[in-house]
Amino acid sequence: MVNYEHYSYRVIWSSEDGEYVGLCSEFPSLSYLDENQIAALAGINNLVKDIVVDMEANGEKIPAPISEKTYSGKFQVRTTPELHRMLAIQAADENVSLNRLINYKLAC
C-alpha cells in the first residue's frame, strides 16, 4: 500500500486565481485551490488520498512517491558540441573537472 503522505506536495500562490494552489508532483493533473495556504495543502493532501484509495480499489498502478525512489546520482545530458566545448573551456579556466563545473551549475 502506498502512503499518500509520502508524496511531494507544495503550495504556490496563483495571481490568476487569486488563491493558493496545492500541487502534488506525482499527480501533476491534480490541484486544489483555497484562499488559505494551509487549507490548500490539506486539500491537495486529501484529494491525493482519495485518488490513491480509488486507484487501489480499481487495481490501477499507483505512482511511487519520489521520496521513496532510489537514485544513482548519474544521468546523461545531450548538448550541442559548441556548448560542450564552451563548458570544457570554462572548466579548464577554473581548474576543475567538467563534472564538477556542471554539478556547480546545476546546484545554483
C-alpha atoms as a PDB file:
ATOM      1  CA  MET A   1       0.000   0.000   0.000  1.00  0.00           C
ATOM      2  CA  VAL A   2       1.317   3.433  -0.955  1.00  0.00           C
ATOM      3  CA  ASN A   3       1.413   6.025   1.811  1.00  0.00           C
ATOM      4  CA  TYR A   4      -0.124   9.153   0.269  1.00  0.00           C
ATOM      5  CA  GLU A   5       1.607  11.319   2.908  1.00  0.00           C
ATOM      6  CA  HIS A   6       4.994  10.473   1.360  1.00  0.00           C
ATOM      7  CA  TYR A   7       4.254  12.249  -1.914  1.00  0.00           C
ATOM      8  CA  SER A   8       5.866  15.583  -2.860  1.00  0.00           C
ATOM      9  CA  TYR A   9       3.434  18.374  -2.058  1.00  0.00           C
ATOM     10  CA  ARG A  10       3.817  22.108  -2.491  1.00  0.00           C
ATOM     11  CA  VAL A  11       1.649  25.209  -2.300  1.00  0.00           C
ATOM     12  CA  ILE A  12       2.098  28.207  -4.576  1.00  0.00           C
ATOM     13  CA  TRP A  13       0.257  31.483  -4.948  1.00  0.00           C
ATOM     14  CA  SER A  14      -1.746  31.883  -8.161  1.00  0.00           C
ATOM     15  CA  SER A  15      -2.185  35.518  -9.203  1.00  0.00           C
ATOM     16  CA  GLU A  16      -4.535  34.339 -11.929  1.00  0.00           C
ATOM     17  CA  ASP A  17      -6.858  32.596  -9.454  1.00  0.00           C
ATOM     18  CA  GLY A  18      -6.230  34.911  -6.518  1.00  0.00           C
ATOM     19  CA  GLU A  19      -5.779  31.838  -4.302  1.00  0.00           C
ATOM     20  CA  TYR A  20      -3.191  29.350  -3.167  1.00  0.00           C
ATOM     21  CA  VAL A  21      -2.809  26.225  -5.263  1.00  0.00           C
ATOM     22  CA  GLY A  22      -1.942  22.893  -3.669  1.00  0.00           C
ATOM     23  CA  LEU A  23       0.015  20.591  -6.012  1.00  0.00           C
ATOM     24  CA  CYS A  24       1.469  17.093  -5.943  1.00  0.00           C
ATOM     25  CA  SER A  25       4.463  16.247  -8.166  1.00  0.00           C
ATOM     26  CA  GLU A  26       3.472  12.604  -8.545  1.00  0.00           C
ATOM     27  CA  PHE A  27      -0.036  13.598  -9.726  1.00  0.00           C
ATOM     28  CA  PRO A  28       0.595  16.609 -11.989  1.00  0.00           C
ATOM     29  CA  SER A  29      -3.005  16.762 -13.233  1.00  0.00           C
ATOM     30  CA  LEU A  30      -4.361  17.407  -9.718  1.00  0.00           C
ATOM     31  CA  SER A  31      -4.610  20.746  -7.927  1.00  0.00           C
ATOM     32  CA  TYR A  32      -6.563  22.241  -5.063  1.00  0.00           C
ATOM     33  CA  LEU A  33      -7.422  25.932  -4.703  1.00  0.00           C
ATOM     34  CA  ASP A  34      -8.067  27.736  -1.448  1.00  0.00           C
ATOM     35  CA  GLU A  35      -7.757  31.252  -0.040  1.00  0.00           C
ATOM     36  CA  ASN A  36      -5.766  29.818   2.867  1.00  0.00           C
ATOM     37  CA  GLN A  37      -2.287  28.374   2.340  1.00  0.00           C
ATOM     38  CA  ILE A  38      -2.667  25.648   4.988  1.00  0.00           C
ATOM     39  CA  ALA A  39      -6.107  24.682   3.666  1.00  0.00           C
ATOM     40  CA  ALA A  40      -4.694  24.378   0.134  1.00  0.00           C
ATOM     41  CA  LEU A  41      -2.079  21.928   1.423  1.00  0.00           C
ATOM     42  CA  ALA A  42      -4.667  19.934   3.358  1.00  0.00           C
ATOM     43  CA  GLY A  43      -6.957  19.968   0.324  1.00  0.00           C
ATOM     44  CA  ILE A  44      -4.404  18.530  -2.110  1.00  0.00           C
ATOM     45  CA  ASN A  45      -3.338  16.009   0.518  1.00  0.00           C
ATOM     46  CA  ASN A  46      -6.930  14.782   0.930  1.00  0.00           C
ATOM     47  CA  LEU A  47      -7.540  14.795  -2.810  1.00  0.00           C
ATOM     48  CA  VAL A  48      -4.485  12.610  -3.412  1.00  0.00           C
ATOM     49  CA  LYS A  49      -5.576  10.303  -0.581  1.00  0.00           C
ATOM     50  CA  ASP A  50      -8.988   9.846  -2.233  1.00  0.00           C
ATOM     51  CA  ILE A  51      -7.381   9.219  -5.635  1.00  0.00           C
ATOM     52  CA  VAL A  52      -4.969   6.625  -4.210  1.00  0.00           C
ATOM     53  CA  VAL A  53      -7.811   4.808  -2.426  1.00  0.00           C
ATOM     54  CA  ASP A  54      -9.835   4.809  -5.647  1.00  0.00           C
ATOM     55  CA  MET A  55      -6.881   3.580  -7.717  1.00  0.00           C
ATOM     56  CA  GLU A  56      -6.209   0.782  -5.226  1.00  0.00           C
ATOM     57  CA  ALA A  57      -9.875  -0.274  -5.308  1.00  0.00           C
ATOM     58  CA  ASN A  58      -9.764  -0.434  -9.110  1.00  0.00           C
ATOM     59  CA  GLY A  59      -6.440  -2.281  -9.267  1.00  0.00           C
ATOM     60  CA  GLU A  60      -4.721   0.599 -11.033  1.00  0.00           C
ATOM     61  CA  LYS A  61      -0.968   1.195 -10.886  1.00  0.00           C
ATOM     62  CA  ILE A  62      -0.240   3.873  -8.289  1.00  0.00           C
ATOM     63  CA  PRO A  63       2.804   6.129  -8.743  1.00  0.00           C
ATOM     64  CA  ALA A  64       5.574   5.572  -6.216  1.00  0.00           C
ATOM     65  CA  PRO A  65       6.449   8.589  -4.069  1.00  0.00           C
ATOM     66  CA  ILE A  66       9.560  10.352  -5.379  1.00  0.00           C
ATOM     67  CA  SER A  67      10.899  10.387  -1.809  1.00  0.00           C
ATOM     68  CA  GLU A  68      10.937   6.581  -1.735  1.00  0.00           C
ATOM     69  CA  LYS A  69      12.753   6.063  -5.039  1.00  0.00           C
ATOM     70  CA  THR A  70      16.490   5.477  -5.132  1.00  0.00           C
ATOM     71  CA  TYR A  71      18.699   7.419  -7.493  1.00  0.00           C
ATOM     72  CA  SER A  72      22.155   6.508  -8.774  1.00  0.00           C
ATOM     73  CA  GLY A  73      23.391  10.085  -8.968  1.00  0.00           C
ATOM     74  CA  LYS A  74      24.168   9.586 -12.660  1.00  0.00           C
ATOM     75  CA  PHE A  75      22.316  10.873 -15.681  1.00  0.00           C
ATOM     76  CA  GLN A  76      23.293  11.820 -19.197  1.00  0.00           C
ATOM     77  CA  VAL A  77      22.645  15.136 -20.817  1.00  0.00           C
ATOM     78  CA  ARG A  78      22.898  15.694 -24.535  1.00  0.00           C
ATOM     79  CA  THR A  79      24.004  19.111 -25.695  1.00  0.00           C
ATOM     80  CA  THR A  80      25.474  20.782 -28.724  1.00  0.00           C
ATOM     81  CA  PRO A  81      29.165  20.376 -29.492  1.00  0.00           C
ATOM     82  CA  GLU A  82      29.560  24.146 -29.156  1.00  0.00           C
ATOM     83  CA  LEU A  83      28.123  24.209 -25.615  1.00  0.00           C
ATOM     84  CA  HIS A  84      30.204  21.163 -24.658  1.00  0.00           C
ATOM     85  CA  ARG A  85      33.349  22.956 -25.881  1.00  0.00           C
ATOM     86  CA  MET A  86      32.407  26.177 -24.051  1.00  0.00           C
ATOM     87  CA  LEU A  87      31.840  24.300 -20.775  1.00  0.00           C
ATOM     88  CA  ALA A  88      35.098  22.360 -21.172  1.00  0.00           C
ATOM     89  CA  ILE A  89      36.970  25.637 -21.659  1.00  0.00           C
ATOM     90  CA  GLN A  90      35.286  27.180 -18.630  1.00  0.00           C
ATOM     91  CA  ALA A  91      36.168  24.116 -16.518  1.00  0.00           C
ATOM     92  CA  ALA A  92      39.790  24.300 -17.665  1.00  0.00           C
ATOM     93  CA  ASP A  93      39.931  28.036 -16.914  1.00  0.00           C
ATOM     94  CA  GLU A  94      38.619  27.361 -13.408  1.00  0.00           C
ATOM     95  CA  ASN A  95      40.945  24.353 -12.973  1.00  0.00           C
ATOM     96  CA  VAL A  96      38.069  21.980 -12.167  1.00  0.00           C
ATOM     97  CA  SER A  97      36.683  18.921 -13.891  1.00  0.00           C
ATOM     98  CA  LEU A  98      33.817  19.302 -16.326  1.00  0.00           C
ATOM     99  CA  ASN A  99      31.731  17.146 -13.977  1.00  0.00           C
ATOM    100  CA  ARG A 100      32.404  19.466 -11.023  1.00  0.00           C
ATOM    101  CA  LEU A 101      31.573  22.542 -13.098  1.00  0.00           C
ATOM    102  CA  ILE A 102      28.273  21.027 -14.267  1.00  0.00           C
ATOM    103  CA  ASN A 103      27.379  19.972 -10.703  1.00  0.00           C
ATOM    104  CA  TYR A 104      28.016  23.512  -9.524  1.00  0.00           C
ATOM    105  CA  LYS A 105      25.869  24.986 -12.293  1.00  0.00           C
ATOM    106  CA  LEU A 106      23.027  22.571 -11.565  1.00  0.00           C
ATOM    107  CA  ALA A 107      23.100  23.392  -7.858  1.00  0.00           C
ATOM    108  CA  CYS A 108      22.846  27.153  -8.418  1.00  0.00           C
END
